[in-house]
């Protein structure tokens, strides 16, 4: 098949662009993962307080009280679920009910 010079140039540009994009994206992803794993291994953090941690026999409260208790219990990794309300306030909540 004869695609012509214009089609060939477009093909090269698209191929080059995709290659560059994948290299940048893959490099960023690999660095992030390896850096995170190194930090986790160095500090030997074994547990993550999910949604701030448990408090008063409740799980996943995303509350300040739960975060404070997790800090007191020596958790170094604390995950929160944060959402923005319609009036632009950020709150700790997993989902609206």
PDB file of N, CA and C in Angstrom:
ATOM      1  N   UNK A   1       0.836  -1.193   0.000  1.00  0.00           N
ATOM      2  CA  UNK A   1       0.000   0.000   0.000  1.00  0.00           C
ATOM      3  C   UNK A   1       0.870   1.241   0.000  1.00  0.00           C
ATOM      4  N   UNK A   2       0.391   2.255  -0.665  1.00  0.00           N
ATOM      5  CA  UNK A   2       1.093   3.517  -0.713  1.00  0.00           C
ATOM      6  C   UNK A   2       0.310   4.536   0.111  1.00  0.00           C
ATOM      7  N   UNK A   3       0.811   4.845   1.294  1.00  0.00           N
ATOM      8  CA  UNK A   3       0.111   5.783   2.173  1.00  0.00           C
ATOM      9  C   UNK A   3       0.437   7.233   1.847  1.00  0.00           C
ATOM     10  N   UNK A   4       1.533   7.496   1.281  1.00  0.00           N
ATOM     11  CA  UNK A   4       1.932   8.853   0.985  1.00  0.00           C
ATOM     12  C   UNK A   4       2.772   9.433   2.110  1.00  0.00           C
ATOM     13  N   UNK A   5       3.484  10.477   1.794  1.00  0.00           N
ATOM     14  CA  UNK A   5       4.407  11.093   2.751  1.00  0.00           C
ATOM     15  C   UNK A   5       3.669  11.754   3.908  1.00  0.00           C
ATOM     16  N   UNK A   6       2.524  12.403   3.628  1.00  0.00           N
ATOM     17  CA  UNK A   6       1.765  13.061   4.701  1.00  0.00           C
ATOM     18  C   UNK A   6       1.283  12.037   5.732  1.00  0.00           C
ATOM     19  N   UNK A   7       0.727  10.957   5.266  1.00  0.00           N
ATOM     20  CA  UNK A   7       0.230   9.917   6.165  1.00  0.00           C
ATOM     21  C   UNK A   7       1.376   9.324   6.962  1.00  0.00           C
ATOM     22  N   UNK A   8       2.511   9.129   6.332  1.00  0.00           N
ATOM     23  CA  UNK A   8       3.680   8.578   7.013  1.00  0.00           C
ATOM     24  C   UNK A   8       4.162   9.523   8.106  1.00  0.00           C
ATOM     25  N   UNK A   9       4.199  10.812   7.827  1.00  0.00           N
ATOM     26  CA  UNK A   9       4.625  11.809   8.825  1.00  0.00           C
ATOM     27  C   UNK A   9       3.640  11.838   9.989  1.00  0.00           C
ATOM     28  N   UNK A  10       2.335  11.814   9.695  1.00  0.00           N
ATOM     29  CA  UNK A  10       1.328  11.765  10.762  1.00  0.00           C
ATOM     30  C   UNK A  10       1.526  10.524  11.629  1.00  0.00           C
ATOM     31  N   UNK A  11       1.780   9.401  10.985  1.00  0.00           N
ATOM     32  CA  UNK A  11       2.021   8.154  11.705  1.00  0.00           C
ATOM     33  C   UNK A  11       3.224   8.288  12.638  1.00  0.00           C
ATOM     34  N   UNK A  12       4.311   8.869  12.136  1.00  0.00           N
ATOM     35  CA  UNK A  12       5.505   9.056  12.962  1.00  0.00           C
ATOM     36  C   UNK A  12       5.234   9.978  14.145  1.00  0.00           C
ATOM     37  N   UNK A  13       4.521  11.064  13.911  1.00  0.00           N
ATOM     38  CA  UNK A  13       4.213  12.024  14.976  1.00  0.00           C
ATOM     39  C   UNK A  13       3.355  11.354  16.058  1.00  0.00           C
ATOM     40  N   UNK A  14       2.344  10.626  15.644  1.00  0.00           N
ATOM     41  CA  UNK A  14       1.464   9.951  16.605  1.00  0.00           C
ATOM     42  C   UNK A  14       2.242   8.891  17.376  1.00  0.00           C
ATOM     43  N   UNK A  15       3.038   8.100  16.680  1.00  0.00           N
ATOM     44  CA  UNK A  15       3.832   7.059  17.333  1.00  0.00           C
ATOM     45  C   UNK A  15       4.811   7.670  18.324  1.00  0.00           C
ATOM     46  N   UNK A  16       5.484   8.737  17.919  1.00  0.00           N
ATOM     47  CA  UNK A  16       6.435   9.419  18.788  1.00  0.00           C
ATOM     48  C   UNK A  16       5.717   9.984  20.016  1.00  0.00           C
ATOM     49  N   UNK A  17       4.572  10.618  19.815  1.00  0.00           N
ATOM     50  CA  UNK A  17       3.819  11.208  20.925  1.00  0.00           C
ATOM     51  C   UNK A  17       3.378  10.141  21.928  1.00  0.00           C
ATOM     52  N   UNK A  18       2.873   9.037  21.436  1.00  0.00           N
ATOM     53  CA  UNK A  18       2.436   7.953  22.319  1.00  0.00           C
ATOM     54  C   UNK A  18       3.633   7.383  23.084  1.00  0.00           C
ATOM     55  N   UNK A  19       4.747   7.209  22.411  1.00  0.00           N
ATOM     56  CA  UNK A  19       5.947   6.680  23.057  1.00  0.00           C
ATOM     57  C   UNK A  19       6.414   7.601  24.175  1.00  0.00           C
ATOM     58  N   UNK A  20       6.472   8.889  23.908  1.00  0.00           N
ATOM     59  CA  UNK A  20       6.891   9.868  24.919  1.00  0.00           C
ATOM     60  C   UNK A  20       5.913   9.865  26.088  1.00  0.00           C
ATOM     61  N   UNK A  21       4.629   9.872  25.789  1.00  0.00           N
ATOM     62  CA  UNK A  21       3.610   9.870  26.848  1.00  0.00           C
ATOM     63  C   UNK A  21       3.760   8.644  27.740  1.00  0.00           C
ATOM     64  N   UNK A  22       3.916   7.482  27.143  1.00  0.00           N
ATOM     65  CA  UNK A  22       4.040   6.247  27.920  1.00  0.00           C
ATOM     66  C   UNK A  22       5.315   6.228  28.753  1.00  0.00           C
ATOM     67  N   UNK A  23       6.402   6.748  28.197  1.00  0.00           N
ATOM     68  CA  UNK A  23       7.652   6.796  28.954  1.00  0.00           C
ATOM     69  C   UNK A  23       7.527   7.714  30.157  1.00  0.00           C
ATOM     70  N   UNK A  24       6.939   8.884  29.980  1.00  0.00           N
ATOM     71  CA  UNK A  24       6.769   9.821  31.088  1.00  0.00           C
ATOM     72  C   UNK A  24       5.823   9.235  32.128  1.00  0.00           C
ATOM     73  N   UNK A  25       4.688   8.728  31.686  1.00  0.00           N
ATOM     74  CA  UNK A  25       3.698   8.186  32.617  1.00  0.00           C
ATOM     75  C   UNK A  25       4.245   6.981  33.361  1.00  0.00           C
ATOM     76  N   UNK A  26       4.884   6.077  32.651  1.00  0.00           N
ATOM     77  CA  UNK A  26       5.415   4.866  33.270  1.00  0.00           C
ATOM     78  C   UNK A  26       6.538   5.212  34.235  1.00  0.00           C
ATOM     79  N   UNK A  27       7.398   6.142  33.892  1.00  0.00           N
ATOM     80  CA  UNK A  27       8.485   6.556  34.772  1.00  0.00           C
ATOM     81  C   UNK A  27       7.926   7.161  36.045  1.00  0.00           C
ATOM     82  N   UNK A  28       6.927   8.027  35.909  1.00  0.00           N
ATOM     83  CA  UNK A  28       6.327   8.659  37.081  1.00  0.00           C
ATOM     84  C   UNK A  28       5.705   7.610  37.979  1.00  0.00           C
ATOM     85  N   UNK A  29       4.968   6.692  37.406  1.00  0.00           N
ATOM     86  CA  UNK A  29       4.293   5.651  38.183  1.00  0.00           C
ATOM     87  C   UNK A  29       5.318   4.753  38.880  1.00  0.00           C
ATOM     88  N   UNK A  30       6.354   4.359  38.182  1.00  0.00           N
ATOM     89  CA  UNK A  30       7.359   3.469  38.767  1.00  0.00           C
ATOM     90  C   UNK A  30       8.097   4.162  39.905  1.00  0.00           C
ATOM     91  N   UNK A  31       8.468   5.437  39.735  1.00  0.00           N
ATOM     92  CA  UNK A  31       9.156   6.169  40.794  1.00  0.00           C
ATOM     93  C   UNK A  31       8.269   6.311  42.022  1.00  0.00           C
ATOM     94  N   UNK A  32       7.017   6.610  41.808  1.00  0.00           N
ATOM     95  CA  UNK A  32       6.093   6.786  42.928  1.00  0.00           C
ATOM     96  C   UNK A  32       5.974   5.485  43.706  1.00  0.00           C
ATOM     97  N   UNK A  33       5.756   4.383  43.013  1.00  0.00           N
ATOM     98  CA  UNK A  33       5.585   3.103  43.680  1.00  0.00           C
ATOM     99  C   UNK A  33       6.851   2.688  44.424  1.00  0.00           C
ATOM    100  N   UNK A  34       8.000   2.805  43.802  1.00  0.00           N
ATOM    101  CA  UNK A  34       9.232   2.368  44.460  1.00  0.00           C
ATOM    102  C   UNK A  34       9.569   3.269  45.639  1.00  0.00           C
ATOM    103  N   UNK A  35       9.353   4.574  45.525  1.00  0.00           N
ATOM    104  CA  UNK A  35       9.605   5.482  46.644  1.00  0.00           C
ATOM    105  C   UNK A  35       8.686   5.170  47.817  1.00  0.00           C
ATOM    106  N   UNK A  36       7.422   4.938  47.528  1.00  0.00           N
ATOM    107  CA  UNK A  36       6.467   4.621  48.582  1.00  0.00           C
ATOM    108  C   UNK A  36       6.843   3.310  49.263  1.00  0.00           C
ATOM    109  N   UNK A  37       7.182   2.306  48.491  1.00  0.00           N
ATOM    110  CA  UNK A  37       7.566   1.023  49.073  1.00  0.00           C
ATOM    111  C   UNK A  37       8.819   1.144  49.926  1.00  0.00           C
ATOM    112  N   UNK A  38       9.794   1.927  49.472  1.00  0.00           N
ATOM    113  CA  UNK A  38      11.004   2.130  50.268  1.00  0.00           C
ATOM    114  C   UNK A  38      10.677   2.765  51.610  1.00  0.00           C
ATOM    115  N   UNK A  39       9.823   3.790  51.603  1.00  0.00           N
ATOM    116  CA  UNK A  39       9.462   4.465  52.848  1.00  0.00           C
ATOM    117  C   UNK A  39       8.719   3.523  53.787  1.00  0.00           C
ATOM    118  N   UNK A  40       7.825   2.745  53.240  1.00  0.00           N
ATOM    119  CA  UNK A  40       7.079   1.814  54.078  1.00  0.00           C
ATOM    120  C   UNK A  40       8.014   0.762  54.688  1.00  0.00           C
ATOM    121  N   UNK A  41       8.977   0.292  53.909  1.00  0.00           N
ATOM    122  CA  UNK A  41       9.907  -0.711  54.418  1.00  0.00           C
ATOM    123  C   UNK A  41      10.854  -0.120  55.456  1.00  0.00           C
ATOM    124  N   UNK A  42      11.306   1.096  55.250  1.00  0.00           N
ATOM    125  CA  UNK A  42      12.238   1.725  56.185  1.00  0.00           C
ATOM    126  C   UNK A  42      11.587   1.944  57.548  1.00  0.00           C
ATOM    127  N   UNK A  43      10.377   2.379  57.561  1.00  0.00           N
ATOM    128  CA  UNK A  43       9.700   2.708  58.817  1.00  0.00           C
ATOM    129  C   UNK A  43       8.992   1.506  59.425  1.00  0.00           C
ATOM    130  N   UNK A  44       8.877   0.427  58.658  1.00  0.00           N
ATOM    131  CA  UNK A  44       8.227  -0.791  59.117  1.00  0.00           C
ATOM    132  C   UNK A  44       6.793  -0.534  59.597  1.00  0.00           C
ATOM    133  N   UNK A  45       6.076   0.310  58.887  1.00  0.00           N
ATOM    134  CA  UNK A  45       4.677   0.532  59.202  1.00  0.00           C
ATOM    135  C   UNK A  45       3.887  -0.670  58.725  1.00  0.00           C
ATOM    136  N   UNK A  46       3.174  -1.296  59.623  1.00  0.00           N
ATOM    137  CA  UNK A  46       2.467  -2.512  59.244  1.00  0.00           C
ATOM    138  C   UNK A  46       0.979  -2.285  59.094  1.00  0.00           C
ATOM    139  N   UNK A  47       0.459  -1.239  59.703  1.00  0.00           N
ATOM    140  CA  UNK A  47      -0.984  -1.055  59.700  1.00  0.00           C
ATOM    141  C   UNK A  47      -1.343   0.370  59.296  1.00  0.00           C
ATOM    142  N   UNK A  48      -2.495   0.497  58.661  1.00  0.00           N
ATOM    143  CA  UNK A  48      -3.041   1.797  58.280  1.00  0.00           C
ATOM    144  C   UNK A  48      -4.381   1.946  58.975  1.00  0.00           C
ATOM    145  N   UNK A  49      -4.584   3.071  59.625  1.00  0.00           N
ATOM    146  CA  UNK A  49      -5.877   3.350  60.258  1.00  0.00           C
ATOM    147  C   UNK A  49      -6.836   3.802  59.158  1.00  0.00           C
ATOM    148  N   UNK A  50      -7.658   2.875  58.688  1.00  0.00           N
ATOM    149  CA  UNK A  50      -8.595   3.155  57.598  1.00  0.00           C
ATOM    150  C   UNK A  50      -9.712   4.061  58.098  1.00  0.00           C
ATOM    151  N   UNK A  51     -10.037   5.074  57.323  1.00  0.00           N
ATOM    152  CA  UNK A  51     -11.095   6.045  57.645  1.00  0.00           C
ATOM    153  C   UNK A  51     -10.876   6.656  59.020  1.00  0.00           C
ATOM    154  N   UNK A  52      -9.614   6.928  59.333  1.00  0.00           N
ATOM    155  CA  UNK A  52      -9.279   7.565  60.602  1.00  0.00           C
ATOM    156  C   UNK A  52      -9.048   6.582  61.726  1.00  0.00           C
ATOM    157  N   UNK A  53      -9.484   5.349  61.561  1.00  0.00           N
ATOM    158  CA  UNK A  53      -9.352   4.349  62.617  1.00  0.00           C
ATOM    159  C   UNK A  53     -10.658   4.186  63.382  1.00  0.00           C
ATOM    160  N   UNK A  54     -10.708   3.176  64.214  1.00  0.00           N
ATOM    161  CA  UNK A  54     -11.923   2.911  64.980  1.00  0.00           C
ATOM    162  C   UNK A  54     -11.963   3.688  66.281  1.00  0.00           C
ATOM    163  N   UNK A  55     -13.171   3.971  66.732  1.00  0.00           N
ATOM    164  CA  UNK A  55     -13.372   4.650  68.009  1.00  0.00           C
ATOM    165  C   UNK A  55     -14.747   4.269  68.544  1.00  0.00           C
ATOM    166  N   UNK A  56     -14.818   4.052  69.862  1.00  0.00           N
ATOM    167  CA  UNK A  56     -16.092   3.713  70.526  1.00  0.00           C
ATOM    168  C   UNK A  56     -16.795   2.550  69.833  1.00  0.00           C
ATOM    169  N   UNK A  57     -16.054   1.508  69.493  1.00  0.00           N
ATOM    170  CA  UNK A  57     -16.585   0.320  68.817  1.00  0.00           C
ATOM    171  C   UNK A  57     -17.206   0.615  67.457  1.00  0.00           C
ATOM    172  N   UNK A  58     -16.855   1.745  66.861  1.00  0.00           N
ATOM    173  CA  UNK A  58     -17.318   2.089  65.518  1.00  0.00           C
ATOM    174  C   UNK A  58     -16.123   2.067  64.575  1.00  0.00           C
ATOM    175  N   UNK A  59     -16.349   1.586  63.371  1.00  0.00           N
ATOM    176  CA  UNK A  59     -15.300   1.589  62.352  1.00  0.00           C
ATOM    177  C   UNK A  59     -15.616   2.652  61.311  1.00  0.00           C
ATOM    178  N   UNK A  60     -14.574   3.141  60.675  1.00  0.00           N
ATOM    179  CA  UNK A  60     -14.720   3.999  59.490  1.00  0.00           C
ATOM    180  C   UNK A  60     -15.536   5.264  59.755  1.00  0.00           C
ATOM    181  N   UNK A  61     -15.215   5.979  60.811  1.00  0.00           N
ATOM    182  CA  UNK A  61     -15.985   7.194  61.126  1.00  0.00           C
ATOM    183  C   UNK A  61     -15.460   8.432  60.405  1.00  0.00           C
ATOM    184  N   UNK A  62     -14.194   8.414  59.988  1.00  0.00           N
ATOM    185  CA  UNK A  62     -13.578   9.593  59.372  1.00  0.00           C
ATOM    186  C   UNK A  62     -13.667  10.816  60.281  1.00  0.00           C
ATOM    187  N   UNK A  63     -13.668  10.605  61.570  1.00  0.00           N
ATOM    188  CA  UNK A  63     -13.840  11.701  62.524  1.00  0.00           C
ATOM    189  C   UNK A  63     -12.504  12.144  63.113  1.00  0.00           C
ATOM    190  N   UNK A  64     -12.473  13.375  63.597  1.00  0.00           N
ATOM    191  CA  UNK A  64     -11.285  13.911  64.254  1.00  0.00           C
ATOM    192  C   UNK A  64     -10.958  13.085  65.496  1.00  0.00           C
ATOM    193  N   UNK A  65     -11.981  12.667  66.211  1.00  0.00           N
ATOM    194  CA  UNK A  65     -11.769  11.858  67.412  1.00  0.00           C
ATOM    195  C   UNK A  65     -11.059  10.544  67.068  1.00  0.00           C
ATOM    196  N   UNK A  66     -11.465   9.909  65.968  1.00  0.00           N
ATOM    197  CA  UNK A  66     -10.837   8.660  65.546  1.00  0.00           C
ATOM    198  C   UNK A  66      -9.385   8.894  65.138  1.00  0.00           C
ATOM    199  N   UNK A  67      -9.128   9.988  64.436  1.00  0.00           N
ATOM    200  CA  UNK A  67      -7.754  10.311  64.037  1.00  0.00           C
ATOM    201  C   UNK A  67      -6.892  10.538  65.272  1.00  0.00           C
ATOM    202  N   UNK A  68      -7.385  11.308  66.226  1.00  0.00           N
ATOM    203  CA  UNK A  68      -6.631  11.566  67.458  1.00  0.00           C
ATOM    204  C   UNK A  68      -6.344  10.267  68.207  1.00  0.00           C
ATOM    205  N   UNK A  69      -7.309   9.364  68.262  1.00  0.00           N
ATOM    206  CA  UNK A  69      -7.107   8.071  68.927  1.00  0.00           C
ATOM    207  C   UNK A  69      -6.072   7.249  68.174  1.00  0.00           C
ATOM    208  N   UNK A  70      -6.115   7.269  66.852  1.00  0.00           N
ATOM    209  CA  UNK A  70      -5.136   6.524  66.057  1.00  0.00           C
ATOM    210  C   UNK A  70      -3.723   7.057  66.288  1.00  0.00           C
ATOM    211  N   UNK A  71      -3.592   8.360  66.389  1.00  0.00           N
ATOM    212  CA  UNK A  71      -2.278   8.960  66.684  1.00  0.00           C
ATOM    213  C   UNK A  71      -1.822   8.522  68.073  1.00  0.00           C
ATOM    214  N   UNK A  72      -2.728   8.571  69.028  1.00  0.00           N
ATOM    215  CA  UNK A  72      -2.408   8.141  70.400  1.00  0.00           C
ATOM    216  C   UNK A  72      -2.005   6.663  70.424  1.00  0.00           C
ATOM    217  N   UNK A  73      -2.628   5.851  69.560  1.00  0.00           N
ATOM    218  CA  UNK A  73      -2.320   4.418  69.473  1.00  0.00           C
ATOM    219  C   UNK A  73      -1.112   4.134  68.587  1.00  0.00           C
ATOM    220  N   UNK A  74      -0.366   5.188  68.235  1.00  0.00           N
ATOM    221  CA  UNK A  74       0.895   5.099  67.472  1.00  0.00           C
ATOM    222  C   UNK A  74       0.745   4.668  66.017  1.00  0.00           C
ATOM    223  N   UNK A  75      -0.399   4.899  65.412  1.00  0.00           N
ATOM    224  CA  UNK A  75      -0.508   4.685  63.972  1.00  0.00           C
ATOM    225  C   UNK A  75       0.248   5.808  63.277  1.00  0.00           C
ATOM    226  N   UNK A  76       1.044   5.438  62.295  1.00  0.00           N
ATOM    227  CA  UNK A  76       1.792   6.431  61.516  1.00  0.00           C
ATOM    228  C   UNK A  76       1.118   6.713  60.181  1.00  0.00           C
ATOM    229  N   UNK A  77       0.302   5.780  59.711  1.00  0.00           N
ATOM    230  CA  UNK A  77      -0.410   5.938  58.442  1.00  0.00           C
ATOM    231  C   UNK A  77      -1.899   5.981  58.743  1.00  0.00           C
ATOM    232  N   UNK A  78      -2.511   7.099  58.404  1.00  0.00           N
ATOM    233  CA  UNK A  78      -3.940   7.285  58.660  1.00  0.00           C
ATOM    234  C   UNK A  78      -4.590   7.728  57.365  1.00  0.00           C
ATOM    235  N   UNK A  79      -5.574   6.967  56.925  1.00  0.00           N
ATOM    236  CA  UNK A  79      -6.282   7.254  55.670  1.00  0.00           C
ATOM    237  C   UNK A  79      -7.627   7.874  56.011  1.00  0.00           C
ATOM    238  N   UNK A  80      -8.010   8.881  55.250  1.00  0.00           N
ATOM    239  CA  UNK A  80      -9.307   9.537  55.430  1.00  0.00           C
ATOM    240  C   UNK A  80     -10.048   9.593  54.103  1.00  0.00           C
ATOM    241  N   UNK A  81     -11.358   9.547  54.179  1.00  0.00           N
ATOM    242  CA  UNK A  81     -12.207   9.752  53.005  1.00  0.00           C
ATOM    243  C   UNK A  81     -12.734  11.175  53.097  1.00  0.00           C
ATOM    244  N   UNK A  82     -12.305  12.010  52.181  1.00  0.00           N
ATOM    245  CA  UNK A  82     -12.667  13.435  52.208  1.00  0.00           C
ATOM    246  C   UNK A  82     -13.543  13.742  51.003  1.00  0.00           C
ATOM    247  N   UNK A  83     -14.622  14.449  51.253  1.00  0.00           N
ATOM    248  CA  UNK A  83     -15.506  14.898  50.174  1.00  0.00           C
ATOM    249  C   UNK A  83     -15.806  16.380  50.370  1.00  0.00           C
ATOM    250  N   UNK A  84     -16.110  17.024  49.263  1.00  0.00           N
ATOM    251  CA  UNK A  84     -16.449  18.446  49.304  1.00  0.00           C
ATOM    252  C   UNK A  84     -17.965  18.599  49.251  1.00  0.00           C
ATOM    253  N   UNK A  85     -18.498  19.414  50.143  1.00  0.00           N
ATOM    254  CA  UNK A  85     -19.934  19.667  50.162  1.00  0.00           C
ATOM    255  C   UNK A  85     -20.297  20.689  49.092  1.00  0.00           C
ATOM    256  N   UNK A  86     -21.582  20.870  48.892  1.00  0.00           N
ATOM    257  CA  UNK A  86     -22.035  21.853  47.897  1.00  0.00           C
ATOM    258  C   UNK A  86     -21.627  23.280  48.252  1.00  0.00           C
ATOM    259  N   UNK A  87     -21.427  23.536  49.547  1.00  0.00           N
ATOM    260  CA  UNK A  87     -20.997  24.880  49.951  1.00  0.00           C
ATOM    261  C   UNK A  87     -19.485  24.967  50.141  1.00  0.00           C
ATOM    262  N   UNK A  88     -18.751  24.090  49.441  1.00  0.00           N
ATOM    263  CA  UNK A  88     -17.284  24.121  49.359  1.00  0.00           C
ATOM    264  C   UNK A  88     -16.575  23.886  50.685  1.00  0.00           C
ATOM    265  N   UNK A  89     -17.142  23.054  51.536  1.00  0.00           N
ATOM    266  CA  UNK A  89     -16.504  22.657  52.786  1.00  0.00           C
ATOM    267  C   UNK A  89     -16.067  21.205  52.636  1.00  0.00           C
ATOM    268  N   UNK A  90     -14.860  20.903  53.068  1.00  0.00           N
ATOM    269  CA  UNK A  90     -14.376  19.528  53.014  1.00  0.00           C
ATOM    270  C   UNK A  90     -14.692  18.822  54.315  1.00  0.00           C
ATOM    271  N   UNK A  91     -15.269  17.641  54.207  1.00  0.00           N
ATOM    272  CA  UNK A  91     -15.664  16.854  55.371  1.00  0.00           C
ATOM    273  C   UNK A  91     -15.171  15.429  55.232  1.00  0.00           C
ATOM    274  N   UNK A  92     -14.991  14.776  56.381  1.00  0.00           N
ATOM    275  CA  UNK A  92     -14.590  13.390  56.387  1.00  0.00           C
ATOM    276  C   UNK A  92     -15.820  12.500  56.305  1.00  0.00           C
ATOM    277  N   UNK A  93     -16.031  11.891  55.157  1.00  0.00           N
ATOM    278  CA  UNK A  93     -17.179  11.015  54.954  1.00  0.00           C
ATOM    279  C   UNK A  93     -16.864  10.093  53.790  1.00  0.00           C
ATOM    280  N   UNK A  94     -17.280   8.848  53.913  1.00  0.00           N
ATOM    281  CA  UNK A  94     -17.037   7.902  52.826  1.00  0.00           C
ATOM    282  C   UNK A  94     -18.094   8.045  51.746  1.00  0.00           C
ATOM    283  N   UNK A  95     -19.334   8.096  52.159  1.00  0.00           N
ATOM    284  CA  UNK A  95     -20.431   8.267  51.194  1.00  0.00           C
ATOM    285  C   UNK A  95     -21.598   8.957  51.881  1.00  0.00           C
ATOM    286  N   UNK A  96     -22.425   9.583  51.095  1.00  0.00           N
ATOM    287  CA  UNK A  96     -23.593  10.269  51.629  1.00  0.00           C
ATOM    288  C   UNK A  96     -24.749   9.279  51.727  1.00  0.00           C
ATOM    289  N   UNK A  97     -25.468   9.327  52.822  1.00  0.00           N
ATOM    290  CA  UNK A  97     -26.659   8.462  52.975  1.00  0.00           C
ATOM    291  C   UNK A  97     -27.862   9.318  53.292  1.00  0.00           C
TER     292      UNK A  97
END
